[in-house]
Amino acid sequence: MAEKTLICLEKERDVLMKTSLKMLALACCLALVTGCGGGDQKKEAAKQQQPSKEAAVLNVYGWADYFDPALLEEFEKQNKCKVTYDVFGNNEELLAKMQAGGAQYDVIMPSDYMVTTMTKLDMLAKLDFKNIPNAKNIDPKFKNTVYDPKNEFTVPFVWGMTGIVYNKKYIKEAPTKWDDLWKPEYKGHLIVLNEVREHFNMALKKHGYSNNSKDPKELEIAFKDLQKLNDNVLAYDTATNKQKFIAEEAWIGNMTSGDAAYCHRDNPNIAFMVPDQGSTIWADSFCVPKGAKHKELAEKFINYMCDPKVSAKNFDYIYLPNPNTAAKEFAPEKYKNDEIFKVGDESKTKGEWFIDLGDTIAIYDKYWTQLRTGK
């Protein structure tokens, strides 16, 4: 009996020893696993806890309807960034925004005379054209301009002429001169651009004056004429004038050649002409404000928009005159043969660039306020 008991005790001891050895082996394995992989797991966990680096945000401040949204998305993908696109209604609004602290913008799009103003105010950065090789595609007639004589601050993006837009359904006798806008039968059917310089352009040219006049007597004559024109005005509008003409809320007004072509595409009754008295030739350009946070990315964006294929696609969307000569190869036939674009391309004989007026702009602004408020 004692012998049997002893044998049983020895078997229990063997079982306990084997169990202990198995548990010890398992503990070692767990230690090895923790030692080999635990560090990586901790690193990964720490990495996940760290905030991810945010994508750069390119802030663009420009005119309404100037970019195909699909192209902006493509640029974002290519450069792993985000593009925000804010809109201003006129050059004076742009200037006021920048003077109030618009350094958050990386790309702005002033018109010609506003480039001169901003340059004098030291608000623009010189462009590094090594980052903008596609600038070579811009028509040479936009080089060494009155507003950027050394080609330091601008890459022209859109251009055109200002003239008279009208709906042939309601305007049976086609206009021939600026004076026609004053006809009493157009009362309540006239929309004019919400831009002080373009507004005075009509009245100054009507009298044979320069649209850059600094003569107080000429400006007073133009102002009194524009007071009379107010009787006909339905609205001062630049941002949504195209939609109003397409919907036939307006019959006649002043408009840029590109916007008129855009309207004609949606409403064939829309026509356009440039009076022989002359008018404005204009260009809206890409610029980079001084102190922009993402200057190199801004220059990449400008270069991207000047790529011939990208440019052709964008201008097929916005339907405005394109200064990018290399893009013409890729433009659709309807764009190449647009009659309104041809009418608007009379800059050599009828066009006058706006220039910076210096202190005289105060006279324009005083009259402009009176015209808009009726006081």
Protein backbone atom coordinates (compact mmCIF):
# COMPACT_ATOMS: atom_id res chain seq x y z
CA MET A 1 0.00 0.00 0.00
CA ALA A 2 2.75 2.40 0.94
CA GLU A 3 4.58 1.51 -2.28
CA LYS A 4 1.50 2.30 -4.38
CA THR A 5 1.04 5.60 -2.56
CA LEU A 6 4.67 6.50 -3.26
CA ILE A 7 4.27 5.72 -6.96
CA CYS A 8 1.17 7.95 -7.15
CA LEU A 9 2.97 10.83 -5.46
CA GLU A 10 5.89 10.57 -7.92
CA LYS A 11 3.45 10.67 -10.89
CA GLU A 12 1.72 13.79 -9.48
CA ARG A 13 5.15 15.41 -9.02
CA ASP A 14 6.04 14.66 -12.67
CA VAL A 15 2.77 16.16 -13.88
CA LEU A 16 3.29 19.29 -11.79
CA MET A 17 6.85 19.71 -13.09
CA LYS A 18 5.76 19.30 -16.72
CA THR A 19 2.94 21.84 -16.21
CA SER A 20 5.35 24.30 -14.61
CA LEU A 21 7.81 23.90 -17.47
CA LYS A 22 5.05 24.52 -20.05
CA MET A 23 3.92 27.68 -18.21
CA LEU A 24 7.51 28.89 -18.01
CA ALA A 25 7.99 28.31 -21.76
CA LEU A 26 4.78 30.17 -22.52
CA ALA A 27 5.87 33.10 -20.36
CA CYS A 28 9.20 33.25 -22.22
CA CYS A 29 7.43 33.27 -25.57
CA LEU A 30 5.19 36.08 -24.47
CA ALA A 31 8.21 38.02 -23.28
CA LEU A 32 9.91 37.51 -26.64
CA VAL A 33 6.83 38.62 -28.53
CA THR A 34 6.52 41.71 -26.38
CA GLY A 35 10.23 42.43 -26.74
CA CYS A 36 10.22 42.05 -30.54
CA GLY A 37 6.88 43.59 -31.53
CA GLY A 38 5.81 45.62 -28.57
CA GLY A 39 8.14 48.49 -29.41
CA ASP A 40 6.74 48.75 -32.94
CA GLN A 41 3.22 48.68 -31.59
CA LYS A 42 4.07 51.45 -29.15
CA LYS A 43 5.67 53.49 -31.91
CA GLU A 44 2.61 53.03 -34.11
CA ALA A 45 0.31 54.00 -31.27
CA ALA A 46 2.41 57.07 -30.56
CA LYS A 47 2.42 57.96 -34.26
CA GLN A 48 -1.36 57.74 -34.38
CA GLN A 49 -1.62 60.02 -31.38
CA GLN A 50 0.57 62.66 -33.04
CA PRO A 51 -1.37 65.27 -35.08
CA SER A 52 -0.98 64.75 -38.85
CA LYS A 53 0.70 67.51 -40.78
CA GLU A 54 -2.03 69.64 -42.39
CA ALA A 55 -1.99 70.18 -46.14
CA ALA A 56 -1.02 73.67 -47.29
CA VAL A 57 -3.94 75.94 -48.11
CA LEU A 58 -3.56 78.14 -51.20
CA ASN A 59 -5.80 81.19 -50.83
CA VAL A 60 -6.90 82.71 -54.14
CA TYR A 61 -8.77 86.03 -54.37
CA GLY A 62 -10.16 86.72 -57.84
CA TRP A 63 -13.08 87.54 -60.08
CA ALA A 64 -16.22 85.41 -60.17
CA ASP A 65 -16.42 82.37 -62.46
CA TYR A 66 -12.74 82.41 -63.48
CA PHE A 67 -11.88 78.76 -62.78
CA ASP A 68 -13.23 75.36 -63.74
CA PRO A 69 -13.76 73.64 -60.35
CA ALA A 70 -12.52 70.34 -61.78
CA LEU A 71 -9.15 71.93 -62.57
CA LEU A 72 -8.84 73.33 -59.06
CA GLU A 73 -9.46 69.82 -57.70
CA GLU A 74 -6.81 68.41 -60.03
CA PHE A 75 -4.27 70.97 -58.80
CA GLU A 76 -5.10 70.02 -55.23
CA LYS A 77 -4.42 66.34 -55.97
CA GLN A 78 -1.16 67.05 -57.80
CA ASN A 79 0.19 69.26 -55.03
CA LYS A 80 -1.47 67.67 -51.98
CA CYS A 81 -2.96 71.00 -50.98
CA LYS A 82 -6.28 72.77 -50.57
CA VAL A 83 -7.40 75.70 -52.73
CA THR A 84 -9.81 78.30 -51.38
CA TYR A 85 -11.28 80.72 -53.91
CA ASP A 86 -12.77 83.99 -52.65
CA VAL A 87 -14.40 86.49 -55.00
CA PHE A 88 -14.37 90.30 -55.17
CA GLY A 89 -16.74 92.48 -57.18
CA ASN A 90 -14.38 95.22 -58.37
CA ASN A 91 -10.77 96.40 -58.13
CA GLU A 92 -11.51 98.92 -55.42
CA GLU A 93 -12.95 96.16 -53.24
CA LEU A 94 -9.78 94.13 -53.83
CA LEU A 95 -7.57 97.07 -52.83
CA ALA A 96 -9.59 97.81 -49.69
CA LYS A 97 -9.40 94.16 -48.64
CA MET A 98 -5.63 94.05 -49.13
CA GLN A 99 -5.10 97.31 -47.27
CA ALA A 100 -7.19 95.97 -44.40
CA GLY A 101 -4.85 93.00 -44.02
CA GLY A 102 -5.26 90.68 -46.96
CA ALA A 103 -1.88 89.04 -46.46
CA GLN A 104 -3.64 85.70 -46.03
CA TYR A 105 -4.06 85.57 -49.81
CA ASP A 106 -1.41 83.89 -51.93
CA VAL A 107 -2.77 84.71 -55.40
CA ILE A 108 -4.75 87.81 -56.35
CA MET A 109 -6.07 88.97 -59.73
CA PRO A 110 -6.04 92.78 -60.10
CA SER A 111 -6.81 94.50 -63.36
CA ASP A 112 -4.16 96.50 -65.19
CA TYR A 113 -4.46 99.92 -63.53
CA MET A 114 -4.82 98.34 -60.09
CA VAL A 115 -1.49 96.56 -60.64
CA THR A 116 0.09 100.00 -61.00
CA THR A 117 -1.60 101.22 -57.83
CA MET A 118 -0.56 98.17 -55.83
CA THR A 119 2.99 98.36 -57.14
CA LYS A 120 3.28 101.96 -55.99
CA LEU A 121 1.96 100.91 -52.58
CA ASP A 122 4.60 98.14 -52.46
CA MET A 123 1.92 95.46 -52.10
CA LEU A 124 3.12 93.01 -54.76
CA ALA A 125 5.97 90.49 -54.70
CA LYS A 126 8.26 90.06 -57.69
CA LEU A 127 7.55 86.72 -59.35
CA ASP A 128 10.19 84.02 -59.71
CA PHE A 129 9.64 83.02 -63.33
CA LYS A 130 11.83 79.94 -62.89
CA ASN A 131 8.75 78.53 -61.17
CA ILE A 132 6.49 79.73 -63.99
CA PRO A 133 8.01 78.41 -67.24
CA ASN A 134 4.56 78.33 -68.88
CA ALA A 135 4.50 82.14 -68.75
CA LYS A 136 6.24 81.92 -72.13
CA ASN A 137 2.87 80.93 -73.61
CA ILE A 138 1.37 84.39 -73.03
CA ASP A 139 0.87 86.57 -76.12
CA PRO A 140 3.82 89.01 -76.49
CA LYS A 141 1.40 91.95 -76.76
CA PHE A 142 0.92 91.57 -73.01
CA LYS A 143 4.62 91.99 -72.31
CA ASN A 144 6.13 95.32 -71.22
CA THR A 145 2.69 96.78 -70.61
CA VAL A 146 1.99 100.22 -69.17
CA TYR A 147 1.08 98.60 -65.85
CA ASP A 148 4.05 96.22 -65.63
CA PRO A 149 6.77 97.62 -67.93
CA LYS A 150 9.53 95.31 -66.68
CA ASN A 151 7.36 92.15 -66.48
CA GLU A 152 8.10 91.67 -62.80
CA PHE A 153 4.76 91.35 -61.05
CA THR A 154 2.16 89.89 -63.41
CA VAL A 155 1.16 86.96 -65.58
CA PRO A 156 -1.88 88.01 -67.67
CA PHE A 157 -4.74 85.54 -67.35
CA VAL A 158 -7.80 87.09 -69.01
CA TRP A 159 -8.17 90.08 -71.29
CA GLY A 160 -10.72 91.82 -73.48
CA MET A 161 -12.41 95.06 -74.37
CA THR A 162 -15.42 96.76 -72.87
CA GLY A 163 -18.30 97.60 -75.17
CA ILE A 164 -22.08 97.63 -75.45
CA VAL A 165 -24.02 94.42 -74.92
CA TYR A 166 -27.65 94.31 -76.05
CA ASN A 167 -30.53 91.94 -76.69
CA LYS A 168 -31.68 92.02 -80.32
CA LYS A 169 -35.18 90.94 -79.31
CA TYR A 170 -35.74 94.27 -77.53
CA ILE A 171 -33.16 96.56 -79.18
CA LYS A 172 -34.35 96.66 -82.79
CA GLU A 173 -31.86 99.31 -83.90
CA ALA A 174 -28.33 98.18 -83.07
CA PRO A 175 -26.33 100.72 -81.02
CA THR A 176 -23.44 102.45 -82.75
CA LYS A 177 -22.05 104.75 -80.05
CA TRP A 178 -21.97 105.24 -76.29
CA ASP A 179 -24.61 107.97 -76.59
CA ASP A 180 -27.21 105.30 -77.37
CA LEU A 181 -27.25 104.13 -73.75
CA TRP A 182 -28.88 107.44 -72.79
CA LYS A 183 -31.99 106.84 -74.94
CA PRO A 184 -35.11 107.31 -72.79
CA GLU A 185 -36.74 104.12 -74.09
CA TYR A 186 -34.13 102.09 -72.19
CA LYS A 187 -35.30 103.39 -68.81
CA GLY A 188 -35.24 100.53 -66.28
CA HIS A 189 -33.59 98.15 -68.74
CA LEU A 190 -29.93 99.21 -68.51
CA ILE A 191 -27.32 97.38 -66.41
CA VAL A 192 -23.91 98.98 -66.01
CA LEU A 193 -20.69 97.60 -64.57
CA ASN A 194 -20.21 98.25 -60.87
CA GLU A 195 -16.75 99.74 -61.46
CA VAL A 196 -15.93 103.41 -61.17
CA ARG A 197 -13.37 103.53 -64.01
CA GLU A 198 -15.53 101.59 -66.47
CA HIS A 199 -18.52 103.77 -65.61
CA PHE A 200 -16.65 106.97 -66.36
CA ASN A 201 -15.16 105.38 -69.48
CA MET A 202 -18.60 105.51 -71.16
CA ALA A 203 -19.17 109.20 -70.52
CA LEU A 204 -15.59 110.31 -71.18
CA LYS A 205 -15.41 108.46 -74.50
CA LYS A 206 -18.86 109.80 -75.40
CA HIS A 207 -17.32 113.28 -75.39
CA GLY A 208 -14.07 112.27 -77.08
CA TYR A 209 -11.99 112.41 -73.90
CA SER A 210 -9.39 109.96 -72.65
CA ASN A 211 -10.68 107.39 -70.16
CA ASN A 212 -7.67 108.45 -68.04
CA SER A 213 -8.67 112.11 -67.95
CA LYS A 214 -7.39 114.17 -65.03
CA ASP A 215 -9.05 117.37 -66.21
CA PRO A 216 -11.60 118.51 -63.56
CA LYS A 217 -13.80 120.16 -66.23
CA GLU A 218 -13.95 116.98 -68.32
CA LEU A 219 -14.73 114.92 -65.25
CA GLU A 220 -17.53 117.28 -64.25
CA ILE A 221 -19.07 117.00 -67.73
CA ALA A 222 -18.85 113.21 -67.55
CA PHE A 223 -20.38 113.21 -64.05
CA LYS A 224 -23.37 115.31 -65.09
CA ASP A 225 -23.95 112.98 -68.04
CA LEU A 226 -23.82 109.96 -65.77
CA GLN A 227 -26.36 111.57 -63.45
CA LYS A 228 -28.75 111.65 -66.41
CA LEU A 229 -27.88 108.05 -67.25
CA ASN A 230 -29.00 107.02 -63.77
CA ASP A 231 -32.59 107.47 -64.98
CA ASN A 232 -32.12 104.43 -67.20
CA VAL A 233 -30.10 102.26 -64.80
CA LEU A 234 -31.72 99.11 -63.50
CA ALA A 235 -28.62 98.01 -61.58
CA TYR A 236 -24.92 98.53 -61.07
CA ASP A 237 -23.70 94.95 -61.37
CA THR A 238 -20.51 93.16 -62.30
CA ALA A 239 -20.82 89.91 -60.37
CA THR A 240 -24.19 88.68 -61.71
CA ASN A 241 -24.79 90.81 -64.81
CA LYS A 242 -24.30 87.84 -67.14
CA GLN A 243 -27.13 85.90 -65.54
CA LYS A 244 -29.42 88.92 -65.78
CA PHE A 245 -28.76 89.38 -69.48
CA ILE A 246 -29.20 85.69 -70.21
CA ALA A 247 -32.54 85.73 -68.34
CA GLU A 248 -33.49 88.90 -70.26
CA GLU A 249 -33.95 90.99 -67.14
CA ALA A 250 -31.83 93.62 -68.91
CA TRP A 251 -31.88 94.81 -72.51
CA ILE A 252 -28.68 96.80 -72.86
CA GLY A 253 -25.59 97.90 -70.95
CA ASN A 254 -21.81 97.96 -70.89
CA MET A 255 -19.98 94.66 -70.57
CA THR A 256 -16.66 93.03 -71.32
CA SER A 257 -16.30 91.13 -74.59
CA GLY A 258 -15.74 87.82 -72.82
CA ASP A 259 -18.84 88.14 -70.65
CA ALA A 260 -20.87 89.09 -73.72
CA ALA A 261 -19.63 85.96 -75.52
CA TYR A 262 -20.59 83.91 -72.46
CA CYS A 263 -24.12 85.40 -72.56
CA HIS A 264 -24.45 84.83 -76.31
CA ARG A 265 -23.59 81.16 -75.86
CA ASP A 266 -26.65 80.74 -73.61
CA ASN A 267 -28.89 83.29 -75.30
CA PRO A 268 -28.33 83.80 -79.07
CA ASN A 269 -30.24 87.10 -78.94
CA ILE A 270 -27.31 88.69 -77.10
CA ALA A 271 -25.01 90.81 -79.30
CA PHE A 272 -21.98 93.00 -78.67
CA MET A 273 -20.22 95.98 -80.24
CA VAL A 274 -17.36 98.37 -79.48
CA PRO A 275 -18.14 102.03 -80.34
CA ASP A 276 -15.80 103.80 -82.74
CA GLN A 277 -15.42 106.47 -80.03
CA GLY A 278 -13.11 103.97 -78.33
CA SER A 279 -13.19 102.03 -75.10
CA THR A 280 -11.14 100.19 -72.53
CA ILE A 281 -8.71 97.39 -73.23
CA TRP A 282 -8.11 95.51 -70.02
CA ALA A 283 -6.32 92.51 -68.58
CA ASP A 284 -6.73 90.68 -65.30
CA SER A 285 -3.44 89.19 -64.16
CA PHE A 286 -2.12 86.72 -61.64
CA CYS A 287 -0.11 88.43 -58.91
CA VAL A 288 1.33 87.36 -55.56
CA PRO A 289 0.93 89.75 -52.63
CA LYS A 290 4.01 90.72 -50.69
CA GLY A 291 4.27 88.55 -47.60
CA ALA A 292 2.21 85.68 -49.04
CA LYS A 293 2.69 82.55 -46.94
CA HIS A 294 2.82 80.15 -49.89
CA LYS A 295 4.61 82.07 -52.65
CA GLU A 296 6.21 79.01 -54.27
CA LEU A 297 2.91 77.13 -54.27
CA ALA A 298 1.26 80.24 -55.70
CA GLU A 299 3.75 80.27 -58.56
CA LYS A 300 3.09 76.57 -59.15
CA PHE A 301 -0.60 77.38 -59.41
CA ILE A 302 0.03 80.18 -61.91
CA ASN A 303 2.25 77.87 -63.95
CA TYR A 304 -0.42 75.15 -63.85
CA MET A 305 -3.12 77.51 -65.13
CA CYS A 306 -0.79 78.59 -67.96
CA ASP A 307 -0.25 75.02 -69.17
CA PRO A 308 -1.73 74.97 -72.71
CA LYS A 309 -4.08 72.01 -72.17
CA VAL A 310 -5.20 73.19 -68.74
CA SER A 311 -5.68 76.72 -70.09
CA ALA A 312 -7.75 75.51 -73.06
CA LYS A 313 -9.98 73.44 -70.80
CA ASN A 314 -10.44 76.29 -68.33
CA PHE A 315 -11.32 78.82 -71.01
CA ASP A 316 -13.79 76.42 -72.59
CA TYR A 317 -15.47 76.50 -69.17
CA ILE A 318 -15.30 80.25 -68.41
CA TYR A 319 -15.56 81.32 -72.07
CA LEU A 320 -13.48 84.48 -71.97
CA PRO A 321 -10.68 85.79 -74.25
CA ASN A 322 -7.49 83.87 -73.54
CA PRO A 323 -4.03 85.50 -73.87
CA ASN A 324 -2.40 82.04 -73.86
CA THR A 325 -1.43 81.55 -77.51
CA ALA A 326 -0.24 77.95 -76.99
CA ALA A 327 -3.71 76.99 -75.72
CA LYS A 328 -5.38 77.79 -79.05
CA GLU A 329 -4.25 74.45 -80.47
CA PHE A 330 -6.37 72.64 -77.87
CA ALA A 331 -9.38 74.98 -77.90
CA PRO A 332 -12.69 73.73 -79.36
CA GLU A 333 -13.78 75.13 -82.73
CA LYS A 334 -16.70 77.06 -81.21
CA TYR A 335 -14.18 78.99 -79.13
CA LYS A 336 -11.78 79.65 -81.99
CA ASN A 337 -14.53 80.98 -84.25
CA ASP A 338 -16.56 83.02 -81.77
CA GLU A 339 -17.66 86.23 -83.50
CA ILE A 340 -17.90 88.29 -80.32
CA PHE A 341 -14.29 87.51 -79.49
CA LYS A 342 -13.38 88.82 -82.94
CA VAL A 343 -15.40 92.00 -82.37
CA GLY A 344 -13.69 92.43 -79.02
CA ASP A 345 -10.23 92.07 -80.54
CA GLU A 346 -10.12 95.66 -81.78
CA SER A 347 -7.62 96.82 -79.22
CA LYS A 348 -5.15 98.28 -81.70
CA THR A 349 -7.62 100.79 -83.14
CA LYS A 350 -10.15 101.32 -80.33
CA GLY A 351 -8.50 100.29 -77.08
CA GLU A 352 -7.02 102.47 -74.35
CA TRP A 353 -5.51 101.01 -71.19
CA PHE A 354 -6.50 102.43 -67.85
CA ILE A 355 -3.54 103.92 -65.99
CA ASP A 356 -3.12 104.90 -62.36
CA LEU A 357 -4.62 108.36 -61.81
CA GLY A 358 -2.74 109.30 -58.68
CA ASP A 359 -4.56 111.82 -56.50
CA THR A 360 -7.15 112.47 -59.24
CA ILE A 361 -8.87 109.21 -58.32
CA ALA A 362 -10.33 111.11 -55.35
CA ILE A 363 -12.47 113.15 -57.79
CA TYR A 364 -13.71 109.97 -59.46
CA ASP A 365 -14.50 108.43 -56.08
CA LYS A 366 -16.40 111.53 -54.91
CA TYR A 367 -18.56 111.53 -58.04
CA TRP A 368 -18.96 107.75 -57.89
CA THR A 369 -20.36 107.95 -54.39
CA GLN A 370 -22.82 110.63 -55.45
CA LEU A 371 -23.93 108.55 -58.44
CA ARG A 372 -24.46 105.44 -56.36
CA THR A 373 -26.26 107.14 -53.48
CA GLY A 374 -28.11 109.82 -55.46
CA LYS A 375 -26.68 112.53 -53.20
